[in-house]
N, C-alpha and C. Protein backbone atom coordinates (compact mmCIF):
# COMPACT_ATOMS: atom_id res chain seq x y z
N MET A 1 90.37 43.64 34.64
CA MET A 1 90.86 43.81 33.30
C MET A 1 91.76 42.66 32.95
N SER A 2 91.56 42.05 31.79
CA SER A 2 92.31 40.88 31.40
C SER A 2 93.39 41.27 30.39
N ILE A 3 94.53 40.57 30.48
CA ILE A 3 95.60 40.82 29.55
C ILE A 3 95.45 39.93 28.32
N PRO A 4 95.39 40.50 27.11
CA PRO A 4 95.29 39.65 25.91
C PRO A 4 96.51 38.76 25.81
N THR A 5 96.32 37.50 25.39
CA THR A 5 97.40 36.54 25.33
C THR A 5 98.42 36.85 24.25
N GLY A 6 98.14 37.71 23.30
CA GLY A 6 99.07 38.00 22.23
C GLY A 6 100.17 38.99 22.59
N LEU A 7 100.05 39.65 23.74
CA LEU A 7 101.03 40.65 24.11
C LEU A 7 102.28 39.98 24.73
N PRO A 8 103.47 40.55 24.49
CA PRO A 8 104.67 39.99 25.14
C PRO A 8 104.53 40.05 26.65
N GLY A 9 104.96 38.98 27.30
CA GLY A 9 104.89 38.93 28.75
C GLY A 9 103.55 38.45 29.28
N ALA A 10 102.57 38.22 28.40
CA ALA A 10 101.28 37.74 28.86
C ALA A 10 101.38 36.29 29.31
N ASN A 11 100.50 35.91 30.19
CA ASN A 11 100.47 34.55 30.71
C ASN A 11 99.97 33.58 29.62
N PRO A 12 100.79 32.61 29.22
CA PRO A 12 100.36 31.70 28.17
C PRO A 12 99.27 30.72 28.63
N LEU A 13 99.05 30.63 29.94
CA LEU A 13 98.03 29.74 30.46
C LEU A 13 96.75 30.52 30.81
N ARG A 14 96.45 31.50 29.95
CA ARG A 14 95.27 32.32 30.21
C ARG A 14 94.61 32.69 28.89
N LEU A 15 93.31 32.67 28.87
CA LEU A 15 92.55 33.14 27.71
C LEU A 15 91.92 34.46 28.13
N GLU A 16 91.65 35.30 27.13
CA GLU A 16 91.14 36.65 27.43
C GLU A 16 89.74 36.61 28.06
N PHE A 17 88.79 35.94 27.40
CA PHE A 17 87.44 35.79 27.91
C PHE A 17 87.00 34.38 27.64
N PRO A 18 87.45 33.42 28.46
CA PRO A 18 87.15 32.00 28.18
C PRO A 18 85.69 31.66 28.44
N GLN A 19 85.20 30.73 27.61
CA GLN A 19 83.85 30.16 27.78
C GLN A 19 83.99 28.66 27.83
N SER A 20 83.12 28.04 28.56
CA SER A 20 83.16 26.57 28.62
C SER A 20 82.60 25.98 27.32
N LEU A 21 83.39 25.11 26.75
CA LEU A 21 82.96 24.42 25.52
C LEU A 21 82.36 23.08 25.89
N ALA A 22 83.02 22.32 26.77
CA ALA A 22 82.55 21.02 27.17
C ALA A 22 83.25 20.59 28.44
N VAL A 23 82.64 19.67 29.16
CA VAL A 23 83.21 19.12 30.41
C VAL A 23 83.18 17.59 30.29
N TYR A 24 84.31 16.96 30.62
CA TYR A 24 84.44 15.52 30.47
C TYR A 24 84.91 14.91 31.79
N ASP A 25 84.65 13.63 31.93
CA ASP A 25 85.06 12.89 33.12
C ASP A 25 86.50 12.39 33.04
N ASP A 26 87.09 12.36 31.85
CA ASP A 26 88.46 11.90 31.75
C ASP A 26 89.23 12.76 30.71
N TYR A 27 90.54 12.76 30.88
CA TYR A 27 91.39 13.59 30.04
C TYR A 27 91.37 13.13 28.58
N PRO A 28 91.39 11.83 28.29
CA PRO A 28 91.39 11.43 26.87
C PRO A 28 90.21 11.98 26.06
N ALA A 29 89.05 12.11 26.71
CA ALA A 29 87.88 12.67 26.00
C ALA A 29 88.09 14.15 25.71
N ALA A 30 88.65 14.90 26.63
CA ALA A 30 88.92 16.30 26.41
C ALA A 30 89.99 16.45 25.32
N GLN A 31 90.99 15.59 25.35
CA GLN A 31 92.05 15.61 24.35
C GLN A 31 91.52 15.26 22.96
N LYS A 32 90.56 14.34 22.93
CA LYS A 32 89.94 13.96 21.64
C LYS A 32 89.20 15.18 21.03
N THR A 33 88.55 15.95 21.89
CA THR A 33 87.86 17.13 21.42
C THR A 33 88.82 18.13 20.78
N VAL A 34 89.89 18.39 21.48
CA VAL A 34 90.89 19.34 20.96
C VAL A 34 91.53 18.81 19.66
N ASP A 35 91.82 17.52 19.65
CA ASP A 35 92.38 16.90 18.46
C ASP A 35 91.43 16.99 17.26
N PHE A 36 90.16 16.76 17.51
CA PHE A 36 89.14 16.85 16.46
C PHE A 36 89.10 18.28 15.91
N LEU A 37 89.08 19.25 16.81
CA LEU A 37 89.05 20.67 16.35
C LEU A 37 90.32 21.00 15.57
N SER A 38 91.44 20.48 16.00
CA SER A 38 92.69 20.73 15.30
C SER A 38 92.66 20.13 13.89
N ASP A 39 92.13 18.91 13.81
CA ASP A 39 92.05 18.21 12.51
C ASP A 39 91.13 18.99 11.54
N ASN A 40 90.20 19.79 12.09
CA ASN A 40 89.27 20.54 11.27
C ASN A 40 89.68 22.01 11.14
N GLU A 41 91.00 22.29 11.29
CA GLU A 41 91.56 23.61 11.05
C GLU A 41 91.10 24.68 12.03
N PHE A 42 90.61 24.28 13.20
CA PHE A 42 90.22 25.27 14.20
C PHE A 42 91.49 25.85 14.83
N PRO A 43 91.54 27.15 15.13
CA PRO A 43 92.72 27.74 15.75
C PRO A 43 92.85 27.30 17.25
N VAL A 44 93.48 26.16 17.43
CA VAL A 44 93.51 25.55 18.78
C VAL A 44 94.27 26.38 19.80
N LYS A 45 95.01 27.40 19.41
CA LYS A 45 95.68 28.26 20.36
C LYS A 45 94.65 29.01 21.21
N ASN A 46 93.40 28.95 20.82
CA ASN A 46 92.29 29.60 21.56
C ASN A 46 91.60 28.63 22.49
N LEU A 47 92.20 27.52 22.79
CA LEU A 47 91.61 26.48 23.66
C LEU A 47 92.48 26.21 24.87
N MET A 48 91.86 25.71 25.90
CA MET A 48 92.56 25.26 27.11
C MET A 48 91.83 24.02 27.65
N ILE A 49 92.61 23.10 28.18
CA ILE A 49 92.01 21.99 28.94
C ILE A 49 92.37 22.24 30.38
N VAL A 50 91.34 22.32 31.21
CA VAL A 50 91.54 22.61 32.65
C VAL A 50 91.03 21.47 33.47
N GLY A 51 91.88 20.89 34.26
CA GLY A 51 91.47 19.83 35.22
C GLY A 51 90.88 20.50 36.44
N THR A 52 89.69 20.09 36.82
CA THR A 52 89.00 20.67 37.97
C THR A 52 88.69 19.60 39.00
N ASP A 53 88.23 20.01 40.15
CA ASP A 53 87.89 19.13 41.24
C ASP A 53 89.08 18.22 41.54
N LEU A 54 90.21 18.83 41.91
CA LEU A 54 91.43 18.07 42.15
C LEU A 54 91.29 17.25 43.41
N LYS A 55 91.91 16.09 43.37
CA LYS A 55 92.00 15.24 44.61
C LYS A 55 93.35 14.58 44.64
N ARG A 56 93.78 14.28 45.81
CA ARG A 56 95.05 13.60 46.01
C ARG A 56 94.77 12.13 46.21
N VAL A 57 95.44 11.31 45.41
CA VAL A 57 95.26 9.87 45.47
C VAL A 57 96.57 9.27 45.95
N GLU A 58 96.50 8.48 47.00
CA GLU A 58 97.67 7.81 47.54
C GLU A 58 97.47 6.31 47.49
N ARG A 59 98.32 5.66 46.73
CA ARG A 59 98.26 4.19 46.60
C ARG A 59 99.30 3.58 47.52
N ILE A 60 98.86 2.80 48.50
CA ILE A 60 99.75 2.16 49.43
C ILE A 60 100.43 1.00 48.72
N THR A 61 101.76 0.97 48.72
CA THR A 61 102.46 -0.08 47.98
C THR A 61 103.08 -1.13 48.88
N GLY A 62 103.11 -0.91 50.17
CA GLY A 62 103.64 -1.95 51.04
C GLY A 62 103.92 -1.43 52.46
N ARG A 63 104.26 -2.38 53.30
CA ARG A 63 104.56 -2.08 54.69
C ARG A 63 106.06 -1.80 54.81
N LEU A 64 106.38 -0.79 55.57
CA LEU A 64 107.80 -0.47 55.81
C LEU A 64 108.27 -1.23 57.03
N THR A 65 109.40 -1.86 56.91
CA THR A 65 110.07 -2.50 58.05
C THR A 65 111.49 -1.95 58.08
N THR A 66 112.16 -2.19 59.18
CA THR A 66 113.56 -1.73 59.29
C THR A 66 114.39 -2.35 58.19
N GLY A 67 114.17 -3.61 57.89
CA GLY A 67 114.94 -4.27 56.82
C GLY A 67 114.70 -3.66 55.44
N ARG A 68 113.45 -3.35 55.14
CA ARG A 68 113.13 -2.74 53.86
C ARG A 68 113.75 -1.32 53.75
N VAL A 69 113.66 -0.57 54.83
CA VAL A 69 114.24 0.76 54.83
C VAL A 69 115.76 0.67 54.65
N ALA A 70 116.40 -0.26 55.34
CA ALA A 70 117.86 -0.42 55.23
C ALA A 70 118.23 -0.82 53.82
N LEU A 71 117.46 -1.74 53.21
CA LEU A 71 117.74 -2.20 51.83
C LEU A 71 117.60 -1.02 50.85
N GLY A 72 116.53 -0.24 51.01
CA GLY A 72 116.36 0.93 50.16
C GLY A 72 117.51 1.92 50.30
N GLY A 73 117.95 2.14 51.54
CA GLY A 73 119.09 3.02 51.79
C GLY A 73 120.38 2.51 51.21
N LEU A 74 120.56 1.18 51.31
CA LEU A 74 121.74 0.54 50.76
C LEU A 74 121.79 0.74 49.23
N LEU A 75 120.68 0.49 48.55
CA LEU A 75 120.66 0.61 47.10
C LEU A 75 120.85 2.06 46.66
N SER A 76 120.21 3.00 47.36
CA SER A 76 120.40 4.42 47.01
C SER A 76 121.85 4.85 47.24
N GLY A 77 122.41 4.37 48.36
CA GLY A 77 123.79 4.72 48.68
C GLY A 77 124.78 4.11 47.70
N LEU A 78 124.49 2.89 47.23
CA LEU A 78 125.36 2.27 46.20
C LEU A 78 125.41 3.13 44.95
N TRP A 79 124.23 3.55 44.49
CA TRP A 79 124.18 4.39 43.29
C TRP A 79 124.89 5.71 43.48
N LEU A 80 124.65 6.33 44.62
CA LEU A 80 125.32 7.61 44.92
C LEU A 80 126.84 7.42 44.94
N GLY A 81 127.31 6.37 45.65
CA GLY A 81 128.72 6.10 45.74
C GLY A 81 129.34 5.82 44.38
N LEU A 82 128.64 5.08 43.54
CA LEU A 82 129.15 4.77 42.19
C LEU A 82 129.24 6.06 41.37
N PHE A 83 128.23 6.92 41.48
CA PHE A 83 128.25 8.20 40.77
C PHE A 83 129.43 9.04 41.21
N VAL A 84 129.60 9.21 42.51
CA VAL A 84 130.70 10.02 43.01
C VAL A 84 132.04 9.40 42.64
N GLY A 85 132.16 8.08 42.71
CA GLY A 85 133.40 7.42 42.33
C GLY A 85 133.73 7.62 40.85
N LEU A 86 132.74 7.57 40.01
CA LEU A 86 132.96 7.80 38.58
C LEU A 86 133.40 9.24 38.30
N ILE A 87 132.80 10.19 39.02
CA ILE A 87 133.21 11.58 38.86
C ILE A 87 134.65 11.75 39.32
N PHE A 88 134.98 11.22 40.48
CA PHE A 88 136.35 11.32 41.01
C PHE A 88 137.36 10.63 40.10
N SER A 89 136.95 9.60 39.41
CA SER A 89 137.87 8.86 38.55
C SER A 89 138.43 9.71 37.40
N PHE A 90 137.75 10.80 37.07
CA PHE A 90 138.26 11.69 36.02
C PHE A 90 139.49 12.47 36.50
N PHE A 91 139.64 12.55 37.82
CA PHE A 91 140.70 13.44 38.39
C PHE A 91 141.86 12.69 38.98
N VAL A 92 141.85 11.36 38.96
CA VAL A 92 143.00 10.59 39.49
C VAL A 92 143.54 9.69 38.38
N ASP A 93 144.81 9.35 38.54
CA ASP A 93 145.47 8.50 37.55
C ASP A 93 145.75 7.10 38.12
N GLU A 94 145.91 7.00 39.40
CA GLU A 94 146.32 5.76 40.00
C GLU A 94 145.17 5.08 40.75
N ASN A 95 145.11 3.76 40.62
CA ASN A 95 144.19 2.92 41.37
C ASN A 95 142.73 3.39 41.30
N VAL A 96 142.24 3.62 40.10
CA VAL A 96 140.88 4.10 39.90
C VAL A 96 139.87 3.09 40.42
N PHE A 97 140.09 1.82 40.18
CA PHE A 97 139.17 0.77 40.64
C PHE A 97 138.98 0.80 42.15
N ALA A 98 140.10 0.90 42.87
CA ALA A 98 140.01 0.93 44.35
C ALA A 98 139.26 2.16 44.83
N MET A 99 139.48 3.30 44.14
CA MET A 99 138.77 4.50 44.57
C MET A 99 137.27 4.35 44.30
N ILE A 100 136.85 3.78 43.17
CA ILE A 100 135.44 3.59 42.88
C ILE A 100 134.80 2.62 43.88
N VAL A 101 135.50 1.54 44.19
CA VAL A 101 134.98 0.58 45.16
C VAL A 101 134.82 1.25 46.52
N SER A 102 135.78 2.06 46.92
CA SER A 102 135.70 2.70 48.26
C SER A 102 134.53 3.70 48.31
N THR A 103 134.30 4.46 47.22
CA THR A 103 133.19 5.42 47.23
C THR A 103 131.87 4.68 47.20
N VAL A 104 131.81 3.52 46.52
CA VAL A 104 130.57 2.74 46.52
C VAL A 104 130.25 2.21 47.90
N LEU A 105 131.29 1.70 48.61
CA LEU A 105 131.11 1.19 49.97
C LEU A 105 130.72 2.30 50.95
N LEU A 106 131.42 3.43 50.82
CA LEU A 106 131.07 4.56 51.69
C LEU A 106 129.64 5.06 51.39
N GLY A 107 129.25 5.08 50.16
CA GLY A 107 127.91 5.48 49.77
C GLY A 107 126.88 4.54 50.34
N ALA A 108 127.19 3.24 50.31
CA ALA A 108 126.25 2.23 50.85
C ALA A 108 126.05 2.45 52.36
N VAL A 109 127.15 2.65 53.07
CA VAL A 109 127.07 2.89 54.53
C VAL A 109 126.29 4.17 54.80
N PHE A 110 126.63 5.22 54.09
CA PHE A 110 125.93 6.50 54.23
C PHE A 110 124.42 6.33 53.95
N GLY A 111 124.08 5.60 52.89
CA GLY A 111 122.66 5.39 52.53
C GLY A 111 121.90 4.66 53.61
N ILE A 112 122.52 3.59 54.15
CA ILE A 112 121.84 2.80 55.20
C ILE A 112 121.62 3.68 56.46
N VAL A 113 122.66 4.35 56.89
CA VAL A 113 122.58 5.18 58.09
C VAL A 113 121.52 6.25 57.91
N TRP A 114 121.58 6.96 56.79
CA TRP A 114 120.64 8.07 56.55
C TRP A 114 119.21 7.58 56.49
N ALA A 115 118.96 6.46 55.80
CA ALA A 115 117.59 5.92 55.68
C ALA A 115 117.07 5.46 57.04
N LEU A 116 117.90 4.76 57.82
CA LEU A 116 117.45 4.29 59.12
C LEU A 116 117.23 5.45 60.09
N LEU A 117 118.06 6.48 59.99
CA LEU A 117 117.85 7.65 60.84
C LEU A 117 116.53 8.33 60.50
N GLY A 118 116.27 8.51 59.23
CA GLY A 118 114.99 9.12 58.82
C GLY A 118 113.80 8.30 59.27
N TYR A 119 113.92 6.98 59.15
CA TYR A 119 112.84 6.08 59.53
C TYR A 119 112.61 6.15 61.06
N ALA A 120 113.72 6.22 61.81
CA ALA A 120 113.58 6.29 63.27
C ALA A 120 112.93 7.59 63.70
N LEU A 121 113.21 8.66 62.98
CA LEU A 121 112.64 9.96 63.39
C LEU A 121 111.13 10.03 63.16
N THR A 122 110.58 9.14 62.30
CA THR A 122 109.12 9.13 62.11
C THR A 122 108.40 8.52 63.31
N ARG A 123 109.11 7.81 64.13
CA ARG A 123 108.54 7.18 65.35
C ARG A 123 107.31 6.34 65.06
N GLY A 124 107.35 5.63 63.94
CA GLY A 124 106.23 4.72 63.64
C GLY A 124 104.99 5.42 63.12
N GLN A 125 105.03 6.68 62.85
CA GLN A 125 103.87 7.41 62.35
C GLN A 125 103.53 7.08 60.90
N ARG A 126 104.50 6.53 60.16
CA ARG A 126 104.25 6.23 58.75
C ARG A 126 105.00 4.97 58.42
N ASP A 127 104.45 3.82 58.76
CA ASP A 127 105.10 2.55 58.54
C ASP A 127 104.63 1.90 57.22
N PHE A 128 104.49 2.68 56.19
CA PHE A 128 104.12 2.14 54.89
C PHE A 128 104.73 2.99 53.78
N SER A 129 104.88 2.37 52.63
CA SER A 129 105.36 3.12 51.46
C SER A 129 104.17 3.34 50.53
N SER A 130 104.23 4.39 49.74
CA SER A 130 103.11 4.73 48.89
C SER A 130 103.53 5.57 47.69
N ILE A 131 102.67 5.69 46.75
CA ILE A 131 102.82 6.56 45.59
C ILE A 131 101.69 7.54 45.61
N THR A 132 101.98 8.84 45.51
CA THR A 132 100.96 9.88 45.59
C THR A 132 100.87 10.63 44.25
N GLN A 133 99.62 10.96 43.87
CA GLN A 133 99.41 11.70 42.65
C GLN A 133 98.20 12.62 42.84
N VAL A 134 98.27 13.80 42.27
CA VAL A 134 97.12 14.71 42.28
C VAL A 134 96.44 14.55 40.93
N VAL A 135 95.16 14.24 40.95
CA VAL A 135 94.40 14.01 39.73
C VAL A 135 93.15 14.87 39.70
N ALA A 136 92.67 15.17 38.50
CA ALA A 136 91.43 15.90 38.35
C ALA A 136 90.29 14.91 38.17
N THR A 137 89.13 15.26 38.64
CA THR A 137 87.96 14.39 38.47
C THR A 137 87.15 14.79 37.23
N ARG A 138 87.38 16.03 36.76
CA ARG A 138 86.67 16.51 35.59
C ARG A 138 87.63 17.36 34.79
N TYR A 139 87.41 17.38 33.45
CA TYR A 139 88.28 18.14 32.55
C TYR A 139 87.39 19.02 31.68
N GLU A 140 87.61 20.33 31.80
CA GLU A 140 86.78 21.28 31.06
C GLU A 140 87.64 21.86 29.90
N VAL A 141 87.01 21.86 28.72
CA VAL A 141 87.66 22.50 27.57
C VAL A 141 87.10 23.91 27.49
N LEU A 142 88.01 24.91 27.62
CA LEU A 142 87.64 26.31 27.51
C LEU A 142 88.03 26.83 26.15
N VAL A 143 87.26 27.78 25.65
CA VAL A 143 87.50 28.38 24.34
C VAL A 143 87.42 29.88 24.48
N GLU A 144 88.23 30.57 23.71
CA GLU A 144 88.21 32.03 23.67
C GLU A 144 86.82 32.47 23.12
N HIS A 145 86.24 33.48 23.75
CA HIS A 145 84.86 33.91 23.40
C HIS A 145 84.69 34.23 21.91
N LYS A 146 85.68 34.77 21.27
CA LYS A 146 85.54 35.23 19.89
C LYS A 146 85.45 34.08 18.88
N VAL A 147 85.83 32.88 19.29
CA VAL A 147 85.73 31.72 18.39
C VAL A 147 84.87 30.59 18.97
N ALA A 148 84.14 30.91 20.04
CA ALA A 148 83.34 29.88 20.73
C ALA A 148 82.26 29.31 19.80
N GLY A 149 81.60 30.17 19.06
CA GLY A 149 80.54 29.67 18.14
C GLY A 149 81.11 28.76 17.09
N GLN A 150 82.26 29.10 16.51
CA GLN A 150 82.90 28.25 15.52
C GLN A 150 83.27 26.89 16.11
N ALA A 151 83.77 26.91 17.33
CA ALA A 151 84.13 25.65 17.99
C ALA A 151 82.92 24.78 18.21
N ARG A 152 81.82 25.36 18.67
CA ARG A 152 80.62 24.58 18.92
C ARG A 152 80.06 24.02 17.61
N GLU A 153 80.07 24.78 16.55
CA GLU A 153 79.62 24.27 15.24
C GLU A 153 80.45 23.08 14.78
N LEU A 154 81.73 23.20 14.87
CA LEU A 154 82.60 22.06 14.47
C LEU A 154 82.40 20.86 15.35
N LEU A 155 82.33 21.10 16.62
CA LEU A 155 82.21 20.01 17.59
C LEU A 155 80.86 19.27 17.47
N ALA A 156 79.87 19.96 16.98
CA ALA A 156 78.56 19.31 16.77
C ALA A 156 78.64 18.18 15.76
N LYS A 157 79.68 18.17 14.94
CA LYS A 157 79.88 17.11 13.95
C LYS A 157 80.51 15.87 14.53
N LEU A 158 81.02 15.95 15.76
CA LEU A 158 81.65 14.82 16.41
C LEU A 158 80.59 14.21 17.35
N PRO A 159 80.12 12.99 17.06
CA PRO A 159 79.06 12.37 17.87
C PRO A 159 79.52 12.23 19.34
N GLY A 160 78.66 12.68 20.24
CA GLY A 160 78.93 12.54 21.66
C GLY A 160 79.99 13.47 22.19
N ALA A 161 80.40 14.45 21.42
CA ALA A 161 81.51 15.32 21.84
C ALA A 161 81.07 16.45 22.75
N LEU A 162 79.80 16.79 22.75
CA LEU A 162 79.36 17.91 23.57
C LEU A 162 78.45 17.43 24.71
N PRO A 163 79.02 16.95 25.79
CA PRO A 163 78.18 16.63 26.96
C PRO A 163 77.66 17.92 27.55
N ASN A 164 76.67 17.79 28.37
CA ASN A 164 76.05 18.94 29.00
C ASN A 164 77.04 19.51 30.00
N PRO A 165 77.55 20.75 29.78
CA PRO A 165 78.49 21.34 30.69
C PRO A 165 77.92 21.72 32.07
N PHE A 166 76.56 21.63 32.18
CA PHE A 166 75.93 22.02 33.40
C PHE A 166 75.50 20.83 34.26
N GLU A 167 76.01 19.63 33.96
CA GLU A 167 75.66 18.45 34.73
C GLU A 167 76.28 18.48 36.11
């Protein structure tokens, strides 16, 4: 049994009886479909874009060395020390500059030690830096069953907007 989306407490990321309207290889195409329907006064609250066939993509950005790890820790520690020093500066009246400099230096030392310790604990198992993202390989536009026919009629006016959902 499905909960209608109009009831209080209902899941906003759920349609009552969704039907597939179209499937696209990229998000901008799915977004274009929804935008077109919106421009044509379709009740877009009855639509969802669902990313399917998720995959994790990891882009390797460089090799990690002890020097790079220490530099990253130094920079992070400097920022942390500056932040803490500025917060503390609200509560002292004397020698604010010296206090900020000391927290920045302590932050830098802390950052270097913490980064090198973390790097040493990996024991060479991950000697590279990377950026990771989860992406969908397909995007399906779902429509509430009660307005599916109206959506298909409108979308038929947009050239190339209805790829075969069974490909």
